[in-house]
Amino acid sequence: MHAPELSIVIQRFTEAHLEGVAALYNEPAVCRQVLQMPFQSVEAWRNKLELDNERRLQLVAVHGGEVIGQLGLEQFSRVRRSHVGSFGMGVATAWQGKGVGSKLLSAALEVADNWMNLHRVELTVYADNEAAQNLYRKFGFEVEGRLRDYAVRDGRFVDTVSMARLRKSG
């Protein structure tokens, strides 16, 4: 394990992290790989934080007081889908490939499995984002399908893939 990884701390996303999370997703290379809009305000993230409830887990990865990653996991509220959650995440460009995503995802899945009792966790990821797909595969996610022209990125319609992880019983 590299020394910087030891000082990466996973915390619950709070008011103290608002500016850091806004800056993270306003980073152009991060913004183009997630479904957030560019130039989001701190206030927009404050509004998302106010939606917090026990069906939402919002985490940040922090290094030296700086937010370097964020993950939001939400359990579906419909009764017949309450065994399912979905998540999205972003990692600062300078920290990609250095274990930040793994730390965030590991913490989120521990809560999903052992506290929220989620059987299925799902996500969508851009079809050309192999690095993210490889991270998700490492945690047991499998591609379930391709969603054509799912989102606009760089002025063009682009595909995503749907991935899910089913928790093994016992």
N, C-alpha and C. Protein backbone atom coordinates (compact mmCIF):
# COMPACT_ATOMS: atom_id res chain seq x y z
N MET A 1 0.85 -1.18 0.00
CA MET A 1 0.00 0.00 0.00
C MET A 1 0.89 1.24 0.00
N HIS A 2 0.57 2.19 -0.86
CA HIS A 2 1.35 3.43 -0.94
C HIS A 2 1.04 4.30 0.27
N ALA A 3 2.01 5.08 0.69
CA ALA A 3 1.83 5.95 1.85
C ALA A 3 0.63 6.89 1.73
N PRO A 4 0.39 7.53 0.54
CA PRO A 4 -0.78 8.42 0.47
C PRO A 4 -2.10 7.71 0.75
N GLU A 5 -2.19 6.42 0.35
CA GLU A 5 -3.43 5.68 0.59
C GLU A 5 -3.75 5.58 2.07
N LEU A 6 -2.72 5.51 2.89
CA LEU A 6 -2.93 5.38 4.33
C LEU A 6 -3.61 6.61 4.90
N SER A 7 -3.40 7.76 4.27
CA SER A 7 -3.97 9.00 4.82
C SER A 7 -5.27 9.41 4.13
N ILE A 8 -5.83 8.53 3.31
CA ILE A 8 -7.15 8.78 2.71
C ILE A 8 -8.20 8.32 3.72
N VAL A 9 -9.07 9.24 4.10
CA VAL A 9 -10.09 8.94 5.11
C VAL A 9 -11.46 9.03 4.44
N ILE A 10 -12.30 8.04 4.71
CA ILE A 10 -13.68 8.05 4.22
C ILE A 10 -14.56 8.61 5.33
N GLN A 11 -15.34 9.62 4.97
CA GLN A 11 -16.21 10.28 5.95
C GLN A 11 -17.61 10.45 5.35
N ARG A 12 -18.57 10.67 6.22
CA ARG A 12 -19.90 11.03 5.76
C ARG A 12 -19.84 12.45 5.20
N PHE A 13 -20.48 12.69 4.07
CA PHE A 13 -20.54 14.01 3.43
C PHE A 13 -21.37 14.94 4.31
N THR A 14 -20.75 16.04 4.73
CA THR A 14 -21.42 17.02 5.60
C THR A 14 -21.23 18.43 5.02
N GLU A 15 -21.82 19.40 5.70
CA GLU A 15 -21.67 20.82 5.32
C GLU A 15 -20.20 21.19 5.13
N ALA A 16 -19.33 20.64 5.95
CA ALA A 16 -17.91 20.98 5.89
C ALA A 16 -17.27 20.61 4.56
N HIS A 17 -17.89 19.69 3.82
CA HIS A 17 -17.32 19.21 2.56
C HIS A 17 -17.93 19.86 1.32
N LEU A 18 -18.91 20.74 1.50
CA LEU A 18 -19.66 21.27 0.36
C LEU A 18 -18.77 21.91 -0.71
N GLU A 19 -17.87 22.79 -0.31
CA GLU A 19 -17.02 23.46 -1.30
C GLU A 19 -16.12 22.47 -2.01
N GLY A 20 -15.60 21.49 -1.28
CA GLY A 20 -14.73 20.49 -1.88
C GLY A 20 -15.46 19.60 -2.87
N VAL A 21 -16.70 19.22 -2.56
CA VAL A 21 -17.48 18.37 -3.47
C VAL A 21 -17.86 19.16 -4.73
N ALA A 22 -18.26 20.42 -4.56
CA ALA A 22 -18.58 21.25 -5.72
C ALA A 22 -17.34 21.39 -6.61
N ALA A 23 -16.19 21.64 -6.01
CA ALA A 23 -14.94 21.77 -6.79
C ALA A 23 -14.60 20.46 -7.50
N LEU A 24 -14.81 19.33 -6.83
CA LEU A 24 -14.53 18.02 -7.44
C LEU A 24 -15.32 17.85 -8.72
N TYR A 25 -16.63 18.06 -8.66
CA TYR A 25 -17.48 17.83 -9.84
C TYR A 25 -17.40 18.96 -10.86
N ASN A 26 -16.82 20.09 -10.49
CA ASN A 26 -16.60 21.16 -11.45
C ASN A 26 -15.27 20.99 -12.19
N GLU A 27 -14.49 20.00 -11.80
CA GLU A 27 -13.27 19.67 -12.52
C GLU A 27 -13.71 19.10 -13.88
N PRO A 28 -13.32 19.70 -15.00
CA PRO A 28 -13.83 19.28 -16.32
C PRO A 28 -13.70 17.78 -16.61
N ALA A 29 -12.56 17.19 -16.28
CA ALA A 29 -12.36 15.76 -16.58
C ALA A 29 -13.26 14.87 -15.73
N VAL A 30 -13.59 15.31 -14.53
CA VAL A 30 -14.51 14.54 -13.68
C VAL A 30 -15.94 14.73 -14.19
N CYS A 31 -16.31 15.97 -14.45
CA CYS A 31 -17.67 16.29 -14.88
C CYS A 31 -18.06 15.53 -16.15
N ARG A 32 -17.12 15.36 -17.07
CA ARG A 32 -17.47 14.69 -18.34
C ARG A 32 -17.69 13.19 -18.17
N GLN A 33 -17.30 12.61 -17.03
CA GLN A 33 -17.48 11.17 -16.82
C GLN A 33 -18.67 10.84 -15.91
N VAL A 34 -19.36 11.86 -15.42
CA VAL A 34 -20.53 11.64 -14.56
C VAL A 34 -21.71 12.36 -15.17
N LEU A 35 -22.89 12.22 -14.58
CA LEU A 35 -24.08 12.85 -15.14
C LEU A 35 -24.39 14.21 -14.50
N GLN A 36 -23.42 14.80 -13.82
CA GLN A 36 -23.60 16.13 -13.24
C GLN A 36 -23.42 17.19 -14.34
N MET A 37 -24.04 18.34 -14.13
CA MET A 37 -23.84 19.48 -15.02
C MET A 37 -22.61 20.25 -14.56
N PRO A 38 -21.90 20.90 -15.49
CA PRO A 38 -20.75 21.72 -15.08
C PRO A 38 -21.20 22.99 -14.36
N PHE A 39 -20.26 23.62 -13.69
CA PHE A 39 -20.47 24.91 -13.01
C PHE A 39 -21.57 24.85 -11.95
N GLN A 40 -21.64 23.74 -11.24
CA GLN A 40 -22.62 23.65 -10.16
C GLN A 40 -22.16 24.46 -8.96
N SER A 41 -23.11 25.07 -8.31
CA SER A 41 -22.82 25.90 -7.15
C SER A 41 -22.73 25.05 -5.88
N VAL A 42 -22.12 25.65 -4.88
CA VAL A 42 -22.10 25.03 -3.56
C VAL A 42 -23.54 24.87 -3.08
N GLU A 43 -24.39 25.84 -3.40
CA GLU A 43 -25.80 25.79 -2.99
C GLU A 43 -26.52 24.57 -3.59
N ALA A 44 -26.22 24.23 -4.83
CA ALA A 44 -26.83 23.05 -5.46
C ALA A 44 -26.46 21.79 -4.67
N TRP A 45 -25.21 21.71 -4.23
CA TRP A 45 -24.78 20.54 -3.44
C TRP A 45 -25.38 20.59 -2.04
N ARG A 46 -25.57 21.79 -1.50
CA ARG A 46 -26.24 21.92 -0.19
C ARG A 46 -27.66 21.37 -0.29
N ASN A 47 -28.35 21.67 -1.38
CA ASN A 47 -29.71 21.16 -1.58
C ASN A 47 -29.72 19.64 -1.65
N LYS A 48 -28.73 19.04 -2.30
CA LYS A 48 -28.65 17.58 -2.36
C LYS A 48 -28.38 17.00 -0.97
N LEU A 49 -27.56 17.68 -0.21
CA LEU A 49 -27.23 17.23 1.14
C LEU A 49 -28.46 17.29 2.04
N GLU A 50 -29.32 18.28 1.83
CA GLU A 50 -30.54 18.42 2.65
C GLU A 50 -31.54 17.30 2.39
N LEU A 51 -31.42 16.60 1.27
CA LEU A 51 -32.30 15.47 0.97
C LEU A 51 -31.89 14.22 1.75
N ASP A 52 -30.84 14.34 2.54
CA ASP A 52 -30.28 13.21 3.26
C ASP A 52 -31.33 12.54 4.15
N ASN A 53 -31.34 11.21 4.12
CA ASN A 53 -32.19 10.41 5.00
C ASN A 53 -31.53 9.04 5.14
N GLU A 54 -32.13 8.14 5.90
CA GLU A 54 -31.46 6.87 6.16
C GLU A 54 -31.40 5.96 4.94
N ARG A 55 -32.11 6.28 3.87
CA ARG A 55 -32.01 5.51 2.63
C ARG A 55 -30.92 6.05 1.70
N ARG A 56 -30.23 7.08 2.13
CA ARG A 56 -29.15 7.69 1.35
C ARG A 56 -27.86 7.66 2.15
N LEU A 57 -26.82 7.17 1.52
CA LEU A 57 -25.49 7.18 2.11
C LEU A 57 -24.63 8.07 1.23
N GLN A 58 -24.12 9.15 1.81
CA GLN A 58 -23.29 10.07 1.04
C GLN A 58 -21.92 10.14 1.71
N LEU A 59 -20.91 9.69 0.97
CA LEU A 59 -19.55 9.60 1.50
C LEU A 59 -18.61 10.50 0.72
N VAL A 60 -17.54 10.90 1.38
CA VAL A 60 -16.45 11.60 0.72
C VAL A 60 -15.14 10.92 1.10
N ALA A 61 -14.18 10.99 0.20
CA ALA A 61 -12.81 10.59 0.49
C ALA A 61 -12.02 11.89 0.68
N VAL A 62 -11.30 11.96 1.78
CA VAL A 62 -10.57 13.18 2.13
C VAL A 62 -9.09 12.84 2.34
N HIS A 63 -8.23 13.70 1.81
CA HIS A 63 -6.79 13.57 2.01
C HIS A 63 -6.26 14.95 2.39
N GLY A 64 -5.66 15.05 3.57
CA GLY A 64 -5.11 16.32 4.01
C GLY A 64 -6.14 17.45 4.04
N GLY A 65 -7.37 17.12 4.39
CA GLY A 65 -8.43 18.12 4.45
C GLY A 65 -9.09 18.43 3.12
N GLU A 66 -8.59 17.84 2.03
CA GLU A 66 -9.15 18.10 0.69
C GLU A 66 -10.04 16.94 0.25
N VAL A 67 -11.23 17.28 -0.29
CA VAL A 67 -12.12 16.26 -0.84
C VAL A 67 -11.53 15.77 -2.16
N ILE A 68 -11.26 14.46 -2.24
CA ILE A 68 -10.67 13.89 -3.46
C ILE A 68 -11.60 12.86 -4.12
N GLY A 69 -12.75 12.60 -3.50
CA GLY A 69 -13.72 11.68 -4.07
C GLY A 69 -15.04 11.78 -3.34
N GLN A 70 -16.11 11.36 -4.03
CA GLN A 70 -17.45 11.39 -3.43
C GLN A 70 -18.24 10.23 -4.00
N LEU A 71 -19.10 9.66 -3.16
CA LEU A 71 -19.99 8.57 -3.59
C LEU A 71 -21.34 8.76 -2.91
N GLY A 72 -22.40 8.64 -3.69
CA GLY A 72 -23.75 8.68 -3.16
C GLY A 72 -24.46 7.39 -3.49
N LEU A 73 -24.98 6.71 -2.48
CA LEU A 73 -25.73 5.46 -2.64
C LEU A 73 -27.13 5.70 -2.13
N GLU A 74 -28.13 5.30 -2.91
CA GLU A 74 -29.52 5.48 -2.49
C GLU A 74 -30.30 4.19 -2.62
N GLN A 75 -30.97 3.81 -1.53
CA GLN A 75 -31.86 2.66 -1.53
C GLN A 75 -33.19 3.11 -2.12
N PHE A 76 -33.75 2.30 -3.00
CA PHE A 76 -35.02 2.65 -3.62
C PHE A 76 -36.13 2.66 -2.58
N SER A 77 -37.05 3.60 -2.69
CA SER A 77 -38.10 3.75 -1.69
C SER A 77 -39.34 2.90 -1.98
N ARG A 78 -39.53 2.50 -3.22
CA ARG A 78 -40.70 1.67 -3.54
C ARG A 78 -40.57 0.31 -2.84
N VAL A 79 -41.63 -0.17 -2.24
CA VAL A 79 -41.58 -1.38 -1.43
C VAL A 79 -41.01 -2.57 -2.21
N ARG A 80 -41.47 -2.76 -3.43
CA ARG A 80 -41.04 -3.93 -4.20
C ARG A 80 -39.64 -3.79 -4.77
N ARG A 81 -39.02 -2.61 -4.59
CA ARG A 81 -37.64 -2.39 -5.04
C ARG A 81 -36.74 -1.99 -3.87
N SER A 82 -37.23 -2.18 -2.64
CA SER A 82 -36.45 -1.72 -1.48
C SER A 82 -35.20 -2.57 -1.22
N HIS A 83 -35.04 -3.67 -1.93
CA HIS A 83 -33.84 -4.50 -1.82
C HIS A 83 -32.74 -4.01 -2.76
N VAL A 84 -33.01 -2.88 -3.47
CA VAL A 84 -32.11 -2.38 -4.51
C VAL A 84 -31.62 -0.99 -4.15
N GLY A 85 -30.36 -0.72 -4.48
CA GLY A 85 -29.79 0.61 -4.37
C GLY A 85 -29.00 0.93 -5.62
N SER A 86 -28.83 2.20 -5.87
CA SER A 86 -27.98 2.62 -6.99
C SER A 86 -27.01 3.67 -6.49
N PHE A 87 -25.90 3.81 -7.16
CA PHE A 87 -24.91 4.78 -6.72
C PHE A 87 -24.24 5.46 -7.90
N GLY A 88 -23.64 6.60 -7.57
CA GLY A 88 -22.78 7.32 -8.50
C GLY A 88 -21.59 7.83 -7.71
N MET A 89 -20.48 8.01 -8.40
CA MET A 89 -19.28 8.48 -7.71
C MET A 89 -18.38 9.26 -8.63
N GLY A 90 -17.51 10.04 -8.03
CA GLY A 90 -16.50 10.78 -8.77
C GLY A 90 -15.22 10.83 -7.97
N VAL A 91 -14.09 10.80 -8.67
CA VAL A 91 -12.78 10.87 -8.03
C VAL A 91 -11.97 11.94 -8.76
N ALA A 92 -11.30 12.79 -7.99
CA ALA A 92 -10.47 13.85 -8.58
C ALA A 92 -9.47 13.25 -9.56
N THR A 93 -9.27 13.93 -10.66
CA THR A 93 -8.40 13.42 -11.73
C THR A 93 -7.02 13.03 -11.19
N ALA A 94 -6.44 13.85 -10.36
CA ALA A 94 -5.10 13.58 -9.84
C ALA A 94 -5.05 12.33 -8.97
N TRP A 95 -6.20 11.86 -8.50
CA TRP A 95 -6.26 10.71 -7.60
C TRP A 95 -6.82 9.45 -8.26
N GLN A 96 -7.17 9.53 -9.53
CA GLN A 96 -7.71 8.35 -10.20
C GLN A 96 -6.62 7.29 -10.34
N GLY A 97 -7.01 6.03 -10.13
CA GLY A 97 -6.07 4.92 -10.22
C GLY A 97 -5.21 4.74 -8.98
N LYS A 98 -5.54 5.44 -7.89
CA LYS A 98 -4.72 5.37 -6.67
C LYS A 98 -5.48 4.79 -5.48
N GLY A 99 -6.58 4.10 -5.73
CA GLY A 99 -7.29 3.42 -4.64
C GLY A 99 -8.43 4.18 -4.01
N VAL A 100 -8.67 5.42 -4.44
CA VAL A 100 -9.73 6.22 -3.84
C VAL A 100 -11.10 5.61 -4.13
N GLY A 101 -11.34 5.26 -5.39
CA GLY A 101 -12.61 4.64 -5.77
C GLY A 101 -12.83 3.33 -5.02
N SER A 102 -11.78 2.55 -4.88
CA SER A 102 -11.90 1.28 -4.15
C SER A 102 -12.27 1.51 -2.69
N LYS A 103 -11.66 2.51 -2.06
CA LYS A 103 -11.98 2.80 -0.65
C LYS A 103 -13.43 3.26 -0.51
N LEU A 104 -13.87 4.15 -1.40
CA LEU A 104 -15.26 4.62 -1.34
C LEU A 104 -16.24 3.47 -1.57
N LEU A 105 -15.98 2.69 -2.61
CA LEU A 105 -16.90 1.60 -2.96
C LEU A 105 -16.92 0.52 -1.89
N SER A 106 -15.77 0.21 -1.32
CA SER A 106 -15.70 -0.78 -0.25
C SER A 106 -16.54 -0.34 0.95
N ALA A 107 -16.39 0.93 1.34
CA ALA A 107 -17.16 1.45 2.48
C ALA A 107 -18.66 1.45 2.18
N ALA A 108 -19.03 1.85 0.98
CA ALA A 108 -20.45 1.91 0.61
C ALA A 108 -21.06 0.52 0.56
N LEU A 109 -20.34 -0.44 0.01
CA LEU A 109 -20.90 -1.80 -0.10
C LEU A 109 -21.00 -2.47 1.27
N GLU A 110 -20.09 -2.13 2.19
CA GLU A 110 -20.19 -2.67 3.55
C GLU A 110 -21.50 -2.20 4.20
N VAL A 111 -21.84 -0.94 4.00
CA VAL A 111 -23.10 -0.41 4.54
C VAL A 111 -24.28 -1.02 3.79
N ALA A 112 -24.17 -1.10 2.46
CA ALA A 112 -25.26 -1.67 1.64
C ALA A 112 -25.58 -3.09 2.08
N ASP A 113 -24.55 -3.88 2.31
CA ASP A 113 -24.73 -5.30 2.66
C ASP A 113 -25.17 -5.50 4.11
N ASN A 114 -24.53 -4.81 5.02
CA ASN A 114 -24.67 -5.13 6.44
C ASN A 114 -25.57 -4.20 7.23
N TRP A 115 -25.99 -3.10 6.64
CA TRP A 115 -26.85 -2.15 7.35
C TRP A 115 -28.13 -1.86 6.59
N MET A 116 -28.04 -1.78 5.27
CA MET A 116 -29.22 -1.48 4.46
C MET A 116 -29.88 -2.76 3.93
N ASN A 117 -29.17 -3.88 4.06
CA ASN A 117 -29.65 -5.18 3.59
C ASN A 117 -30.00 -5.17 2.11
N LEU A 118 -29.19 -4.49 1.30
CA LEU A 118 -29.44 -4.46 -0.13
C LEU A 118 -28.97 -5.76 -0.77
N HIS A 119 -29.81 -6.32 -1.60
CA HIS A 119 -29.46 -7.53 -2.34
C HIS A 119 -28.83 -7.16 -3.68
N ARG A 120 -29.31 -6.06 -4.27
CA ARG A 120 -28.85 -5.64 -5.60
C ARG A 120 -28.38 -4.19 -5.52
N VAL A 121 -27.19 -3.93 -6.04
CA VAL A 121 -26.68 -2.57 -6.17
C VAL A 121 -26.37 -2.37 -7.65
N GLU A 122 -26.88 -1.27 -8.21
CA GLU A 122 -26.74 -1.05 -9.65
C GLU A 122 -26.21 0.34 -9.97
N LEU A 123 -25.76 0.51 -11.19
CA LEU A 123 -25.20 1.77 -11.64
C LEU A 123 -25.23 1.82 -13.16
N THR A 124 -25.03 3.02 -13.69
CA THR A 124 -24.74 3.16 -15.11
C THR A 124 -23.39 3.87 -15.21
N VAL A 125 -22.64 3.51 -16.23
CA VAL A 125 -21.31 4.08 -16.46
C VAL A 125 -21.13 4.23 -17.96
N TYR A 126 -20.44 5.28 -18.37
CA TYR A 126 -20.21 5.47 -19.80
C TYR A 126 -19.53 4.23 -20.39
N ALA A 127 -19.99 3.85 -21.56
CA ALA A 127 -19.50 2.62 -22.20
C ALA A 127 -18.00 2.66 -22.47
N ASP A 128 -17.44 3.86 -22.67
CA ASP A 128 -16.01 3.97 -22.95
C ASP A 128 -15.16 4.19 -21.70
N ASN A 129 -15.75 4.15 -20.52
CA ASN A 129 -15.00 4.36 -19.28
C ASN A 129 -14.55 3.01 -18.73
N GLU A 130 -13.54 2.46 -19.38
CA GLU A 130 -13.04 1.12 -19.01
C GLU A 130 -12.46 1.09 -17.60
N ALA A 131 -11.78 2.16 -17.19
CA ALA A 131 -11.18 2.18 -15.85
C ALA A 131 -12.25 2.01 -14.78
N ALA A 132 -13.35 2.75 -14.91
CA ALA A 132 -14.44 2.63 -13.93
C ALA A 132 -15.07 1.24 -13.99
N GLN A 133 -15.30 0.74 -15.19
CA GLN A 133 -15.90 -0.59 -15.32
C GLN A 133 -15.00 -1.65 -14.69
N ASN A 134 -13.70 -1.52 -14.86
CA ASN A 134 -12.78 -2.48 -14.23
C ASN A 134 -12.85 -2.41 -12.72
N LEU A 135 -12.96 -1.19 -12.17
CA LEU A 135 -13.12 -1.04 -10.72
C LEU A 135 -14.39 -1.76 -10.27
N TYR A 136 -15.49 -1.53 -10.94
CA TYR A 136 -16.76 -2.14 -10.55
C TYR A 136 -16.70 -3.66 -10.66
N ARG A 137 -16.06 -4.17 -11.70
CA ARG A 137 -15.91 -5.63 -11.85
C ARG A 137 -15.14 -6.22 -10.67
N LYS A 138 -14.14 -5.49 -10.20
CA LYS A 138 -13.32 -5.93 -9.06
C LYS A 138 -14.20 -6.18 -7.82
N PHE A 139 -15.32 -5.46 -7.74
CA PHE A 139 -16.24 -5.61 -6.60
C PHE A 139 -17.45 -6.48 -6.93
N GLY A 140 -17.38 -7.23 -8.02
CA GLY A 140 -18.43 -8.19 -8.35
C GLY A 140 -19.55 -7.67 -9.23
N PHE A 141 -19.42 -6.47 -9.77
CA PHE A 141 -20.44 -5.95 -10.68
C PHE A 141 -20.28 -6.58 -12.05
N GLU A 142 -21.40 -6.82 -12.70
CA GLU A 142 -21.41 -7.38 -14.05
C GLU A 142 -22.23 -6.49 -14.97
N VAL A 143 -21.82 -6.44 -16.23
CA VAL A 143 -22.57 -5.68 -17.23
C VAL A 143 -23.87 -6.42 -17.52
N GLU A 144 -24.98 -5.70 -17.48
CA GLU A 144 -26.28 -6.29 -17.77
C GLU A 144 -26.84 -5.83 -19.11
N GLY A 145 -26.34 -4.73 -19.61
CA GLY A 145 -26.84 -4.27 -20.90
C GLY A 145 -26.25 -2.93 -21.29
N ARG A 146 -26.46 -2.58 -22.54
CA ARG A 146 -25.99 -1.31 -23.09
C ARG A 146 -27.18 -0.40 -23.33
N LEU A 147 -27.07 0.83 -22.87
CA LEU A 147 -28.13 1.82 -23.04
C LEU A 147 -27.66 2.81 -24.10
N ARG A 148 -28.26 2.74 -25.27
CA ARG A 148 -27.81 3.54 -26.42
C ARG A 148 -28.27 4.98 -26.33
N ASP A 149 -27.38 5.90 -26.71
CA ASP A 149 -27.67 7.34 -26.69
C ASP A 149 -28.27 7.78 -25.35
N TYR A 150 -27.72 7.29 -24.28
CA TYR A 150 -28.25 7.51 -22.93
C TYR A 150 -28.07 8.93 -22.44
N ALA A 151 -26.95 9.55 -22.78
CA ALA A 151 -26.63 10.87 -22.24
C ALA A 151 -25.91 11.71 -23.29
N VAL A 152 -25.88 13.01 -23.04
CA VAL A 152 -25.12 13.92 -23.89
C VAL A 152 -23.79 14.21 -23.20
N ARG A 153 -22.71 14.04 -23.95
CA ARG A 153 -21.37 14.37 -23.46
C ARG A 153 -20.60 14.97 -24.61
N ASP A 154 -19.97 16.09 -24.38
CA ASP A 154 -19.20 16.77 -25.43
C ASP A 154 -20.04 17.04 -26.67
N GLY A 155 -21.35 17.33 -26.47
CA GLY A 155 -22.22 17.66 -27.58
C GLY A 155 -22.71 16.48 -28.40
N ARG A 156 -22.45 15.26 -27.95
CA ARG A 156 -22.86 14.06 -28.69
C ARG A 156 -23.62 13.11 -27.76
N PHE A 157 -24.51 12.33 -28.35
CA PHE A 157 -25.17 11.28 -27.58
C PHE A 157 -24.18 10.14 -27.41
N VAL A 158 -24.10 9.61 -26.20
CA VAL A 158 -23.18 8.52 -25.92
C VAL A 158 -23.90 7.40 -25.17
N ASP A 159 -23.36 6.22 -25.32
CA ASP A 159 -23.92 5.03 -24.68
C ASP A 159 -23.38 4.88 -23.25
N THR A 160 -24.16 4.22 -22.43
CA THR A 160 -23.69 3.77 -21.12
C THR A 160 -23.94 2.26 -21.05
N VAL A 161 -23.34 1.66 -20.06
CA VAL A 161 -23.67 0.27 -19.76
C VAL A 161 -24.29 0.24 -18.37
N SER A 162 -25.23 -0.66 -18.21
CA SER A 162 -25.87 -0.90 -16.92
C SER A 162 -25.11 -2.05 -16.26
N MET A 163 -24.69 -1.83 -15.02
CA MET A 163 -23.98 -2.86 -14.27
C MET A 163 -24.69 -3.07 -12.95
N ALA A 164 -24.60 -4.28 -12.43
CA ALA A 164 -25.20 -4.59 -11.13
C ALA A 164 -24.38 -5.66 -10.43
N ARG A 165 -24.53 -5.65 -9.11
CA ARG A 165 -23.90 -6.66 -8.24
C ARG A 165 -25.02 -7.24 -7.38
N LEU A 166 -25.16 -8.55 -7.41
CA LEU A 166 -26.12 -9.24 -6.57
C LEU A 166 -25.36 -9.83 -5.39
N ARG A 167 -25.81 -9.52 -4.18
CA ARG A 167 -25.14 -10.03 -2.99
C ARG A 167 -25.41 -11.52 -2.87
N LYS A 168 -24.35 -12.24 -2.62
CA LYS A 168 -24.49 -13.69 -2.46
C LYS A 168 -25.10 -13.99 -1.09
N SER A 169 -25.97 -14.97 -1.05
CA SER A 169 -26.61 -15.36 0.21
C SER A 169 -25.66 -16.18 1.06
N GLY A 170 -25.78 -15.98 2.40
CA GLY A 170 -25.06 -16.77 3.38
C GLY A 170 -23.63 -16.81 3.13
